[in-house]
Structure formats: C-alpha cells, structure tokens
C-alpha cells in the first residue's frame, strides 16, 4: 500500500496492470506448450520414418557435364544421367592406394 502512495497509483490501476501481466504470462506459457507439443510430434514422425534422414544417393557417380551457376550432371553405373546442385556432391577417391595416386597426380599437375 505504501508503494502505491509513493508512486501515486490508484488501487484499481495496479490490479488491472497485474491482471494484464498475468494474462500475458499465461498466453506465453500456452504458446510454449503448443510449440513443445508440435516438436514432440515431429520427433515421433522422425522415429517412425528413419529412412527420411538417409541419403537417397548410393554412390559413386561420374561427372559428365558442368553447367553455369554450379549445376552438375552426374551419371550412374547404369548410364542414368541427372542434374544436381554442385554443392551437394562430394569427391570420391576410392580406395586409399588410388587416393594417394590421385593426390600425387593432382600435385604434379599444379607444378
């Protein structure tokens, strides 16, 4: 009470402000609960369908053509060709022995 007199606030104004703040906190809590429920639902789906996280590419592919803006055309062992974003591919060097040969050849080409 002495705080209200010091701040020159009316009792009804203080009660109204406290109710407003409590309502805002309650809305925030409900929104957080809804978001956590959505997150839990998404995690359930991921556990049910683990194949969604697996790669759809079963490797190695041969690069047949480079296009502007980073697009790359790849070819499978069966001869099927398709275009992909060049940032999604990784260099395949094969076995360790052949990787060293490729590495040495690459360094020789630079000199």
PDB file of N, CA and C in Angstrom:
ATOM      1  N   UNK A   1       0.820  -1.204   0.000  1.00  0.00           N
ATOM      2  CA  UNK A   1       0.000   0.000   0.000  1.00  0.00           C
ATOM      3  C   UNK A   1       0.855   1.256   0.000  1.00  0.00           C
ATOM      4  N   UNK A   2       1.905   1.240   0.776  1.00  0.00           N
ATOM      5  CA  UNK A   2       2.734   2.437   0.836  1.00  0.00           C
ATOM      6  C   UNK A   2       3.426   2.676  -0.505  1.00  0.00           C
ATOM      7  N   UNK A   3       3.656   1.560  -1.302  1.00  0.00           N
ATOM      8  CA  UNK A   3       4.246   1.728  -2.630  1.00  0.00           C
ATOM      9  C   UNK A   3       3.316   2.496  -3.553  1.00  0.00           C
ATOM     10  N   UNK A   4       2.027   2.203  -3.444  1.00  0.00           N
ATOM     11  CA  UNK A   4       1.062   2.904  -4.308  1.00  0.00           C
ATOM     12  C   UNK A   4       0.994   4.379  -3.954  1.00  0.00           C
ATOM     13  N   UNK A   5       1.063   4.677  -2.672  1.00  0.00           N
ATOM     14  CA  UNK A   5       1.016   6.083  -2.267  1.00  0.00           C
ATOM     15  C   UNK A   5       2.272   6.803  -2.748  1.00  0.00           C
ATOM     16  N   UNK A   6       3.410   6.087  -2.666  1.00  0.00           N
ATOM     17  CA  UNK A   6       4.672   6.684  -3.089  1.00  0.00           C
ATOM     18  C   UNK A   6       4.666   6.949  -4.594  1.00  0.00           C
ATOM     19  N   UNK A   7       4.109   6.006  -5.375  1.00  0.00           N
ATOM     20  CA  UNK A   7       4.052   6.150  -6.823  1.00  0.00           C
ATOM     21  C   UNK A   7       2.805   6.896  -7.291  1.00  0.00           C
ATOM     22  N   UNK A   8       1.931   7.218  -6.353  1.00  0.00           N
ATOM     23  CA  UNK A   8       0.671   7.920  -6.644  1.00  0.00           C
ATOM     24  C   UNK A   8      -0.161   7.139  -7.664  1.00  0.00           C
ATOM     25  N   UNK A   9      -0.320   5.830  -7.413  1.00  0.00           N
ATOM     26  CA  UNK A   9      -1.110   4.981  -8.298  1.00  0.00           C
ATOM     27  C   UNK A   9      -2.404   4.595  -7.603  1.00  0.00           C
ATOM     28  N   UNK A  10      -3.404   4.407  -8.392  1.00  0.00           N
ATOM     29  CA  UNK A  10      -4.709   4.005  -7.887  1.00  0.00           C
ATOM     30  C   UNK A  10      -4.735   2.487  -7.729  1.00  0.00           C
ATOM     31  N   UNK A  11      -5.433   1.988  -6.732  1.00  0.00           N
ATOM     32  CA  UNK A  11      -5.523   0.542  -6.471  1.00  0.00           C
ATOM     33  C   UNK A  11      -6.088  -0.203  -7.682  1.00  0.00           C
ATOM     34  N   UNK A  12      -7.077   0.335  -8.340  1.00  0.00           N
ATOM     35  CA  UNK A  12      -7.691  -0.332  -9.493  1.00  0.00           C
ATOM     36  C   UNK A  12      -6.711  -0.399 -10.670  1.00  0.00           C
ATOM     37  N   UNK A  13      -5.874   0.650 -10.841  1.00  0.00           N
ATOM     38  CA  UNK A  13      -4.873   0.633 -11.905  1.00  0.00           C
ATOM     39  C   UNK A  13      -3.839  -0.459 -11.666  1.00  0.00           C
ATOM     40  N   UNK A  14      -3.398  -0.605 -10.434  1.00  0.00           N
ATOM     41  CA  UNK A  14      -2.409  -1.615 -10.086  1.00  0.00           C
ATOM     42  C   UNK A  14      -2.981  -3.008 -10.304  1.00  0.00           C
ATOM     43  N   UNK A  15      -4.223  -3.219  -9.855  1.00  0.00           N
ATOM     44  CA  UNK A  15      -4.868  -4.528 -10.029  1.00  0.00           C
ATOM     45  C   UNK A  15      -5.032  -4.849 -11.508  1.00  0.00           C
ATOM     46  N   UNK A  16      -5.408  -3.862 -12.297  1.00  0.00           N
ATOM     47  CA  UNK A  16      -5.585  -4.049 -13.741  1.00  0.00           C
ATOM     48  C   UNK A  16      -4.252  -4.393 -14.411  1.00  0.00           C
ATOM     49  N   UNK A  17      -3.197  -3.709 -14.013  1.00  0.00           N
ATOM     50  CA  UNK A  17      -1.871  -3.962 -14.578  1.00  0.00           C
ATOM     51  C   UNK A  17      -1.393  -5.373 -14.225  1.00  0.00           C
ATOM     52  N   UNK A  18      -1.590  -5.788 -12.993  1.00  0.00           N
ATOM     53  CA  UNK A  18      -1.183  -7.129 -12.580  1.00  0.00           C
ATOM     54  C   UNK A  18      -1.966  -8.201 -13.329  1.00  0.00           C
ATOM     55  N   UNK A  19      -3.264  -7.998 -13.516  1.00  0.00           N
ATOM     56  CA  UNK A  19      -4.073  -8.953 -14.278  1.00  0.00           C
ATOM     57  C   UNK A  19      -3.604  -9.046 -15.735  1.00  0.00           C
ATOM     58  N   UNK A  20      -3.278  -7.905 -16.318  1.00  0.00           N
ATOM     59  CA  UNK A  20      -2.785  -7.887 -17.696  1.00  0.00           C
ATOM     60  C   UNK A  20      -1.476  -8.664 -17.811  1.00  0.00           C
ATOM     61  N   UNK A  21      -0.565  -8.426 -16.865  1.00  0.00           N
ATOM     62  CA  UNK A  21       0.710  -9.136 -16.886  1.00  0.00           C
ATOM     63  C   UNK A  21       0.527 -10.636 -16.669  1.00  0.00           C
ATOM     64  N   UNK A  22      -0.382 -11.019 -15.779  1.00  0.00           N
ATOM     65  CA  UNK A  22      -0.658 -12.439 -15.568  1.00  0.00           C
ATOM     66  C   UNK A  22      -1.238 -13.084 -16.819  1.00  0.00           C
ATOM     67  N   UNK A  23      -2.128 -12.368 -17.504  1.00  0.00           N
ATOM     68  CA  UNK A  23      -2.696 -12.896 -18.746  1.00  0.00           C
ATOM     69  C   UNK A  23      -1.626 -13.066 -19.817  1.00  0.00           C
ATOM     70  N   UNK A  24      -0.709 -12.100 -19.914  1.00  0.00           N
ATOM     71  CA  UNK A  24       0.375 -12.216 -20.884  1.00  0.00           C
ATOM     72  C   UNK A  24       1.264 -13.417 -20.576  1.00  0.00           C
ATOM     73  N   UNK A  25       1.569 -13.628 -19.306  1.00  0.00           N
ATOM     74  CA  UNK A  25       2.368 -14.786 -18.916  1.00  0.00           C
ATOM     75  C   UNK A  25       1.648 -16.093 -19.236  1.00  0.00           C
ATOM     76  N   UNK A  26       0.348 -16.113 -19.012  1.00  0.00           N
ATOM     77  CA  UNK A  26      -0.426 -17.322 -19.305  1.00  0.00           C
ATOM     78  C   UNK A  26      -0.444 -17.617 -20.806  1.00  0.00           C
ATOM     79  N   UNK A  27      -0.599 -16.566 -21.619  1.00  0.00           N
ATOM     80  CA  UNK A  27      -0.568 -16.745 -23.071  1.00  0.00           C
ATOM     81  C   UNK A  27       0.803 -17.247 -23.524  1.00  0.00           C
ATOM     82  N   UNK A  28       1.860 -16.708 -22.945  1.00  0.00           N
ATOM     83  CA  UNK A  28       3.217 -17.137 -23.278  1.00  0.00           C
ATOM     84  C   UNK A  28       3.411 -18.609 -22.918  1.00  0.00           C
ATOM     85  N   UNK A  29       2.926 -19.024 -21.753  1.00  0.00           N
ATOM     86  CA  UNK A  29       3.041 -20.414 -21.318  1.00  0.00           C
ATOM     87  C   UNK A  29       2.280 -21.341 -22.254  1.00  0.00           C
ATOM     88  N   UNK A  30       1.070 -20.949 -22.654  1.00  0.00           N
ATOM     89  CA  UNK A  30       0.282 -21.775 -23.572  1.00  0.00           C
ATOM     90  C   UNK A  30       0.954 -21.903 -24.934  1.00  0.00           C
ATOM     91  N   UNK A  31       1.522 -20.809 -25.420  1.00  0.00           N
ATOM     92  CA  UNK A  31       2.210 -20.858 -26.708  1.00  0.00           C
ATOM     93  C   UNK A  31       3.436 -21.768 -26.632  1.00  0.00           C
ATOM     94  N   UNK A  32       4.184 -21.688 -25.528  1.00  0.00           N
ATOM     95  CA  UNK A  32       5.343 -22.556 -25.344  1.00  0.00           C
ATOM     96  C   UNK A  32       4.913 -24.022 -25.290  1.00  0.00           C
ATOM     97  N   UNK A  33       3.793 -24.297 -24.646  1.00  0.00           N
ATOM     98  CA  UNK A  33       3.276 -25.670 -24.580  1.00  0.00           C
ATOM     99  C   UNK A  33       2.909 -26.174 -25.970  1.00  0.00           C
ATOM    100  N   UNK A  34       2.247 -25.335 -26.766  1.00  0.00           N
ATOM    101  CA  UNK A  34       1.864 -25.737 -28.121  1.00  0.00           C
ATOM    102  C   UNK A  34       3.098 -26.024 -28.971  1.00  0.00           C
ATOM    103  N   UNK A  35       4.109 -25.182 -28.858  1.00  0.00           N
ATOM    104  CA  UNK A  35       5.330 -25.375 -29.635  1.00  0.00           C
ATOM    105  C   UNK A  35       6.025 -26.670 -29.221  1.00  0.00           C
ATOM    106  N   UNK A  36       6.072 -26.946 -27.920  1.00  0.00           N
ATOM    107  CA  UNK A  36       6.713 -28.183 -27.471  1.00  0.00           C
ATOM    108  C   UNK A  36       5.918 -29.401 -27.930  1.00  0.00           C
ATOM    109  N   UNK A  37       4.588 -29.293 -27.972  1.00  0.00           N
ATOM    110  CA  UNK A  37       3.766 -30.402 -28.457  1.00  0.00           C
ATOM    111  C   UNK A  37       4.033 -30.655 -29.943  1.00  0.00           C
ATOM    112  N   UNK A  38       4.176 -29.588 -30.736  1.00  0.00           N
ATOM    113  CA  UNK A  38       4.495 -29.742 -32.155  1.00  0.00           C
ATOM    114  C   UNK A  38       5.870 -30.378 -32.335  1.00  0.00           C
ATOM    115  N   UNK A  39       6.832 -29.958 -31.526  1.00  0.00           N
ATOM    116  CA  UNK A  39       8.174 -30.523 -31.606  1.00  0.00           C
ATOM    117  C   UNK A  39       8.148 -32.013 -31.284  1.00  0.00           C
ATOM    118  N   UNK A  40       7.431 -32.390 -30.246  1.00  0.00           N
ATOM    119  CA  UNK A  40       7.332 -33.802 -29.869  1.00  0.00           C
ATOM    120  C   UNK A  40       6.693 -34.617 -30.990  1.00  0.00           C
ATOM    121  N   UNK A  41       5.679 -34.068 -31.633  1.00  0.00           N
ATOM    122  CA  UNK A  41       5.007 -34.761 -32.735  1.00  0.00           C
ATOM    123  C   UNK A  41       5.963 -34.968 -33.907  1.00  0.00           C
ATOM    124  N   UNK A  42       6.754 -33.958 -34.208  1.00  0.00           N
ATOM    125  CA  UNK A  42       7.719 -34.086 -35.300  1.00  0.00           C
ATOM    126  C   UNK A  42       8.773 -35.133 -34.969  1.00  0.00           C
ATOM    127  N   UNK A  43       9.211 -35.184 -33.733  1.00  0.00           N
ATOM    128  CA  UNK A  43      10.209 -36.177 -33.337  1.00  0.00           C
ATOM    129  C   UNK A  43       9.631 -37.591 -33.424  1.00  0.00           C
ATOM    130  N   UNK A  44       8.351 -37.756 -33.117  1.00  0.00           N
ATOM    131  CA  UNK A  44       7.707 -39.063 -33.257  1.00  0.00           C
ATOM    132  C   UNK A  44       7.728 -39.510 -34.706  1.00  0.00           C
ATOM    133  N   UNK A  45       7.431 -38.577 -35.612  1.00  0.00           N
ATOM    134  CA  UNK A  45       7.427 -38.919 -37.037  1.00  0.00           C
ATOM    135  C   UNK A  45       8.816 -39.326 -37.501  1.00  0.00           C
ATOM    136  N   UNK A  46       9.842 -38.618 -37.018  1.00  0.00           N
ATOM    137  CA  UNK A  46      11.199 -38.963 -37.423  1.00  0.00           C
ATOM    138  C   UNK A  46      11.591 -40.343 -36.912  1.00  0.00           C
ATOM    139  N   UNK A  47      11.113 -40.716 -35.725  1.00  0.00           N
ATOM    140  CA  UNK A  47      11.412 -42.042 -35.205  1.00  0.00           C
ATOM    141  C   UNK A  47      10.664 -43.115 -35.991  1.00  0.00           C
ATOM    142  N   UNK A  48       9.472 -42.772 -36.461  1.00  0.00           N
ATOM    143  CA  UNK A  48       8.691 -43.738 -37.237  1.00  0.00           C
ATOM    144  C   UNK A  48       9.250 -43.925 -38.634  1.00  0.00           C
ATOM    145  N   UNK A  49       9.843 -42.873 -39.199  1.00  0.00           N
ATOM    146  CA  UNK A  49      10.357 -42.919 -40.560  1.00  0.00           C
ATOM    147  C   UNK A  49      11.837 -42.551 -40.585  1.00  0.00           C
ATOM    148  N   UNK A  50      12.718 -43.402 -40.070  1.00  0.00           N
ATOM    149  CA  UNK A  50      14.135 -43.056 -40.069  1.00  0.00           C
ATOM    150  C   UNK A  50      14.729 -42.987 -41.474  1.00  0.00           C
ATOM    151  N   UNK A  51      14.052 -43.593 -42.447  1.00  0.00           N
ATOM    152  CA  UNK A  51      14.554 -43.557 -43.816  1.00  0.00           C
ATOM    153  C   UNK A  51      14.536 -42.143 -44.384  1.00  0.00           C
ATOM    154  N   UNK A  52      13.727 -41.265 -43.777  1.00  0.00           N
ATOM    155  CA  UNK A  52      13.676 -39.887 -44.257  1.00  0.00           C
ATOM    156  C   UNK A  52      15.026 -39.202 -44.086  1.00  0.00           C
ATOM    157  N   UNK A  53      15.813 -39.632 -43.129  1.00  0.00           N
ATOM    158  CA  UNK A  53      17.102 -38.993 -42.872  1.00  0.00           C
ATOM    159  C   UNK A  53      18.234 -39.614 -43.670  1.00  0.00           C
ATOM    160  N   UNK A  54      18.004 -40.751 -44.293  1.00  0.00           N
ATOM    161  CA  UNK A  54      19.051 -41.416 -45.050  1.00  0.00           C
ATOM    162  C   UNK A  54      19.238 -40.744 -46.401  1.00  0.00           C
ATOM    163  N   UNK A  55      20.413 -40.865 -46.929  1.00  0.00           N
ATOM    164  CA  UNK A  55      20.706 -40.290 -48.231  1.00  0.00           C
ATOM    165  C   UNK A  55      20.009 -41.099 -49.322  1.00  0.00           C
ATOM    166  N   UNK A  56      19.526 -40.413 -50.337  1.00  0.00           N
ATOM    167  CA  UNK A  56      18.872 -41.085 -51.459  1.00  0.00           C
ATOM    168  C   UNK A  56      19.888 -41.466 -52.535  1.00  0.00           C
ATOM    169  N   UNK A  57      21.118 -41.053 -52.351  1.00  0.00           N
ATOM    170  CA  UNK A  57      22.154 -41.318 -53.340  1.00  0.00           C
ATOM    171  C   UNK A  57      22.996 -42.491 -52.879  1.00  0.00           C
ATOM    172  N   UNK A  58      23.181 -43.440 -53.741  1.00  0.00           N
ATOM    173  CA  UNK A  58      24.053 -44.580 -53.456  1.00  0.00           C
ATOM    174  C   UNK A  58      25.186 -44.546 -54.460  1.00  0.00           C
ATOM    175  N   UNK A  59      26.256 -44.103 -54.124  1.00  0.00           N
ATOM    176  CA  UNK A  59      27.356 -43.626 -54.797  1.00  0.00           C
ATOM    177  C   UNK A  59      28.161 -44.365 -55.670  1.00  0.00           C
ATOM    178  N   UNK A  60      29.279 -44.366 -56.145  1.00  0.00           N
ATOM    179  CA  UNK A  60      29.939 -43.272 -56.856  1.00  0.00           C
ATOM    180  C   UNK A  60      29.267 -42.942 -58.195  1.00  0.00           C
ATOM    181  N   UNK A  61      29.353 -41.688 -58.554  1.00  0.00           N
ATOM    182  CA  UNK A  61      28.810 -41.204 -59.823  1.00  0.00           C
ATOM    183  C   UNK A  61      29.930 -40.557 -60.613  1.00  0.00           C
ATOM    184  N   UNK A  62      29.745 -40.484 -61.902  1.00  0.00           N
ATOM    185  CA  UNK A  62      30.731 -39.828 -62.754  1.00  0.00           C
ATOM    186  C   UNK A  62      30.156 -38.479 -63.186  1.00  0.00           C
ATOM    187  N   UNK A  63      30.968 -37.448 -63.087  1.00  0.00           N
ATOM    188  CA  UNK A  63      30.556 -36.121 -63.538  1.00  0.00           C
ATOM    189  C   UNK A  63      30.676 -36.094 -65.043  1.00  0.00           C
ATOM    190  N   UNK A  64      29.548 -35.819 -65.732  1.00  0.00           N
ATOM    191  CA  UNK A  64      29.568 -35.801 -67.194  1.00  0.00           C
ATOM    192  C   UNK A  64      29.584 -34.393 -67.766  1.00  0.00           C
ATOM    193  N   UNK A  65      28.984 -33.432 -67.020  1.00  0.00           N
ATOM    194  CA  UNK A  65      28.937 -32.079 -67.561  1.00  0.00           C
ATOM    195  C   UNK A  65      28.766 -31.084 -66.421  1.00  0.00           C
ATOM    196  N   UNK A  66      29.418 -29.931 -66.566  1.00  0.00           N
ATOM    197  CA  UNK A  66      29.272 -28.829 -65.615  1.00  0.00           C
ATOM    198  C   UNK A  66      28.474 -27.722 -66.276  1.00  0.00           C
ATOM    199  N   UNK A  67      27.508 -27.184 -65.566  1.00  0.00           N
ATOM    200  CA  UNK A  67      26.661 -26.109 -66.076  1.00  0.00           C
ATOM    201  C   UNK A  67      26.956 -24.819 -65.322  1.00  0.00           C
ATOM    202  N   UNK A  68      26.538 -23.689 -65.876  1.00  0.00           N
ATOM    203  CA  UNK A  68      26.725 -22.423 -65.158  1.00  0.00           C
ATOM    204  C   UNK A  68      25.956 -22.432 -63.834  1.00  0.00           C
ATOM    205  N   UNK A  69      26.375 -21.604 -62.934  1.00  0.00           N
ATOM    206  CA  UNK A  69      25.738 -21.431 -61.623  1.00  0.00           C
ATOM    207  C   UNK A  69      25.856 -22.667 -60.746  1.00  0.00           C
ATOM    208  N   UNK A  70      26.832 -23.527 -60.982  1.00  0.00           N
ATOM    209  CA  UNK A  70      27.120 -24.633 -60.081  1.00  0.00           C
ATOM    210  C   UNK A  70      26.350 -25.913 -60.300  1.00  0.00           C
ATOM    211  N   UNK A  71      25.533 -26.008 -61.327  1.00  0.00           N
ATOM    212  CA  UNK A  71      24.815 -27.256 -61.605  1.00  0.00           C
ATOM    213  C   UNK A  71      25.776 -28.278 -62.216  1.00  0.00           C
ATOM    214  N   UNK A  72      25.547 -29.554 -61.873  1.00  0.00           N
ATOM    215  CA  UNK A  72      26.414 -30.638 -62.341  1.00  0.00           C
ATOM    216  C   UNK A  72      25.536 -31.774 -62.838  1.00  0.00           C
ATOM    217  N   UNK A  73      25.934 -32.377 -63.961  1.00  0.00           N
ATOM    218  CA  UNK A  73      25.232 -33.555 -64.453  1.00  0.00           C
ATOM    219  C   UNK A  73      26.046 -34.784 -64.054  1.00  0.00           C
ATOM    220  N   UNK A  74      25.383 -35.727 -63.368  1.00  0.00           N
ATOM    221  CA  UNK A  74      26.029 -36.956 -62.912  1.00  0.00           C
ATOM    222  C   UNK A  74      25.488 -38.143 -63.682  1.00  0.00           C
ATOM    223  N   UNK A  75      26.303 -39.186 -63.766  1.00  0.00           N
ATOM    224  CA  UNK A  75      25.896 -40.413 -64.446  1.00  0.00           C
ATOM    225  C   UNK A  75      26.152 -41.597 -63.517  1.00  0.00           C
ATOM    226  N   UNK A  76      25.155 -42.494 -63.414  1.00  0.00           N
ATOM    227  CA  UNK A  76      25.306 -43.692 -62.596  1.00  0.00           C
ATOM    228  C   UNK A  76      26.031 -44.769 -63.384  1.00  0.00           C
ATOM    229  N   UNK A  77      26.327 -45.884 -62.726  1.00  0.00           N
ATOM    230  CA  UNK A  77      26.974 -47.013 -63.408  1.00  0.00           C
ATOM    231  C   UNK A  77      26.080 -47.594 -64.487  1.00  0.00           C
ATOM    232  N   UNK A  78      24.759 -47.456 -64.308  1.00  0.00           N
ATOM    233  CA  UNK A  78      23.807 -47.979 -65.288  1.00  0.00           C
ATOM    234  C   UNK A  78      23.617 -47.039 -66.469  1.00  0.00           C
ATOM    235  N   UNK A  79      24.199 -45.841 -66.420  1.00  0.00           N
ATOM    236  CA  UNK A  79      24.085 -44.903 -67.528  1.00  0.00           C
ATOM    237  C   UNK A  79      22.980 -43.874 -67.360  1.00  0.00           C
ATOM    238  N   UNK A  80      22.316 -43.847 -66.225  1.00  0.00           N
ATOM    239  CA  UNK A  80      21.249 -42.871 -65.984  1.00  0.00           C
ATOM    240  C   UNK A  80      21.893 -41.534 -65.615  1.00  0.00           C
ATOM    241  N   UNK A  81      21.461 -40.464 -66.278  1.00  0.00           N
ATOM    242  CA  UNK A  81      22.012 -39.132 -66.034  1.00  0.00           C
ATOM    243  C   UNK A  81      20.967 -38.247 -65.356  1.00  0.00           C
ATOM    244  N   UNK A  82      21.441 -37.386 -64.444  1.00  0.00           N
ATOM    245  CA  UNK A  82      20.565 -36.429 -63.779  1.00  0.00           C
ATOM    246  C   UNK A  82      21.382 -35.234 -63.312  1.00  0.00           C
ATOM    247  N   UNK A  83      20.712 -34.089 -63.154  1.00  0.00           N
ATOM    248  CA  UNK A  83      21.371 -32.856 -62.749  1.00  0.00           C
ATOM    249  C   UNK A  83      21.154 -32.623 -61.258  1.00  0.00           C
ATOM    250  N   UNK A  84      22.197 -32.114 -60.606  1.00  0.00           N
ATOM    251  CA  UNK A  84      22.128 -31.792 -59.181  1.00  0.00           C
ATOM    252  C   UNK A  84      22.869 -30.485 -58.926  1.00  0.00           C
ATOM    253  N   UNK A  85      22.656 -29.955 -57.734  1.00  0.00           N
ATOM    254  CA  UNK A  85      23.404 -28.791 -57.282  1.00  0.00           C
ATOM    255  C   UNK A  85      24.833 -29.241 -56.991  1.00  0.00           C
ATOM    256  N   UNK A  86      25.815 -28.558 -57.528  1.00  0.00           N
ATOM    257  CA  UNK A  86      27.202 -28.944 -57.358  1.00  0.00           C
ATOM    258  C   UNK A  86      27.680 -28.896 -55.916  1.00  0.00           C
ATOM    259  N   UNK A  87      27.005 -28.123 -55.063  1.00  0.00           N
ATOM    260  CA  UNK A  87      27.399 -28.044 -53.666  1.00  0.00           C
ATOM    261  C   UNK A  87      26.994 -29.289 -52.885  1.00  0.00           C
ATOM    262  N   UNK A  88      26.127 -30.125 -53.451  1.00  0.00           N
ATOM    263  CA  UNK A  88      25.658 -31.314 -52.749  1.00  0.00           C
ATOM    264  C   UNK A  88      26.531 -32.543 -52.992  1.00  0.00           C
ATOM    265  N   UNK A  89      27.477 -32.446 -53.889  1.00  0.00           N
ATOM    266  CA  UNK A  89      28.280 -33.625 -54.199  1.00  0.00           C
ATOM    267  C   UNK A  89      29.621 -33.566 -53.468  1.00  0.00           C
ATOM    268  N   UNK A  90      30.183 -34.736 -53.222  1.00  0.00           N
ATOM    269  CA  UNK A  90      31.491 -34.853 -52.576  1.00  0.00           C
ATOM    270  C   UNK A  90      32.402 -35.655 -53.489  1.00  0.00           C
ATOM    271  N   UNK A  91      33.690 -35.360 -53.444  1.00  0.00           N
ATOM    272  CA  UNK A  91      34.646 -36.070 -54.276  1.00  0.00           C
ATOM    273  C   UNK A  91      34.844 -37.479 -53.729  1.00  0.00           C
ATOM    274  N   UNK A  92      34.777 -38.442 -54.610  1.00  0.00           N
ATOM    275  CA  UNK A  92      35.021 -39.838 -54.237  1.00  0.00           C
ATOM    276  C   UNK A  92      36.370 -40.237 -54.790  1.00  0.00           C
ATOM    277  N   UNK A  93      37.261 -40.664 -53.911  1.00  0.00           N
ATOM    278  CA  UNK A  93      38.604 -41.006 -54.347  1.00  0.00           C
ATOM    279  C   UNK A  93      38.845 -42.501 -54.375  1.00  0.00           C
ATOM    280  N   UNK A  94      37.892 -43.308 -53.965  1.00  0.00           N
ATOM    281  CA  UNK A  94      38.056 -44.760 -53.995  1.00  0.00           C
ATOM    282  C   UNK A  94      38.861 -45.265 -52.822  1.00  0.00           C
ATOM    283  N   UNK A  95      39.655 -46.302 -53.051  1.00  0.00           N
ATOM    284  CA  UNK A  95      40.469 -46.913 -52.003  1.00  0.00           C
ATOM    285  C   UNK A  95      41.649 -46.016 -51.652  1.00  0.00           C
ATOM    286  N   UNK A  96      42.275 -46.287 -50.528  1.00  0.00           N
ATOM    287  CA  UNK A  96      43.374 -45.447 -50.039  1.00  0.00           C
ATOM    288  C   UNK A  96      44.541 -45.410 -51.014  1.00  0.00           C
ATOM    289  N   UNK A  97      44.871 -46.550 -51.643  1.00  0.00           N
ATOM    290  CA  UNK A  97      46.001 -46.578 -52.563  1.00  0.00           C
ATOM    291  C   UNK A  97      45.740 -45.677 -53.762  1.00  0.00           C
ATOM    292  N   UNK A  98      44.559 -45.797 -54.343  1.00  0.00           N
ATOM    293  CA  UNK A  98      44.255 -44.980 -55.514  1.00  0.00           C
ATOM    294  C   UNK A  98      44.080 -43.513 -55.119  1.00  0.00           C
ATOM    295  N   UNK A  99      43.664 -43.247 -53.891  1.00  0.00           N
ATOM    296  CA  UNK A  99      43.530 -41.860 -53.430  1.00  0.00           C
ATOM    297  C   UNK A  99      44.897 -41.200 -53.375  1.00  0.00           C
ATOM    298  N   UNK A 100      45.919 -41.922 -52.933  1.00  0.00           N
ATOM    299  CA  UNK A 100      47.272 -41.362 -52.895  1.00  0.00           C
ATOM    300  C   UNK A 100      47.774 -41.085 -54.303  1.00  0.00           C
ATOM    301  N   UNK A 101      47.476 -41.990 -55.244  1.00  0.00           N
ATOM    302  CA  UNK A 101      47.890 -41.777 -56.632  1.00  0.00           C
ATOM    303  C   UNK A 101      47.228 -40.531 -57.206  1.00  0.00           C
ATOM    304  N   UNK A 102      45.937 -40.362 -56.931  1.00  0.00           N
ATOM    305  CA  UNK A 102      45.218 -39.191 -57.430  1.00  0.00           C
ATOM    306  C   UNK A 102      45.782 -37.932 -56.804  1.00  0.00           C
ATOM    307  N   UNK A 103      46.067 -37.990 -55.513  1.00  0.00           N
ATOM    308  CA  UNK A 103      46.630 -36.842 -54.816  1.00  0.00           C
ATOM    309  C   UNK A 103      47.979 -36.457 -55.394  1.00  0.00           C
ATOM    310  N   UNK A 104      48.842 -37.448 -55.630  1.00  0.00           N
ATOM    311  CA  UNK A 104      50.151 -37.181 -56.205  1.00  0.00           C
ATOM    312  C   UNK A 104      50.012 -36.617 -57.619  1.00  0.00           C
ATOM    313  N   UNK A 105      49.117 -37.171 -58.408  1.00  0.00           N
ATOM    314  CA  UNK A 105      48.911 -36.691 -59.773  1.00  0.00           C
ATOM    315  C   UNK A 105      48.394 -35.259 -59.753  1.00  0.00           C
ATOM    316  N   UNK A 106      47.538 -34.944 -58.797  1.00  0.00           N
ATOM    317  CA  UNK A 106      46.993 -33.592 -58.693  1.00  0.00           C
ATOM    318  C   UNK A 106      48.096 -32.602 -58.378  1.00  0.00           C
ATOM    319  N   UNK A 107      48.979 -32.970 -57.448  1.00  0.00           N
ATOM    320  CA  UNK A 107      50.071 -32.079 -57.095  1.00  0.00           C
ATOM    321  C   UNK A 107      51.072 -31.930 -58.245  1.00  0.00           C
ATOM    322  N   UNK A 108      51.279 -32.979 -59.025  1.00  0.00           N
ATOM    323  CA  UNK A 108      52.175 -32.873 -60.165  1.00  0.00           C
ATOM    324  C   UNK A 108      51.630 -31.955 -61.227  1.00  0.00           C
ATOM    325  N   UNK A 109      50.275 -31.954 -61.401  1.00  0.00           N
ATOM    326  CA  UNK A 109      49.655 -31.090 -62.395  1.00  0.00           C
ATOM    327  C   UNK A 109      49.779 -29.623 -62.005  1.00  0.00           C
ATOM    328  N   UNK A 110      49.811 -29.335 -60.715  1.00  0.00           N
ATOM    329  CA  UNK A 110      49.884 -27.949 -60.276  1.00  0.00           C
ATOM    330  C   UNK A 110      51.248 -27.330 -60.573  1.00  0.00           C
ATOM    331  N   UNK A 111      52.314 -28.154 -60.531  1.00  0.00           N
ATOM    332  CA  UNK A 111      53.674 -27.638 -60.725  1.00  0.00           C
ATOM    333  C   UNK A 111      53.936 -27.334 -62.128  1.00  0.00           C
TER     334      UNK A 111
END
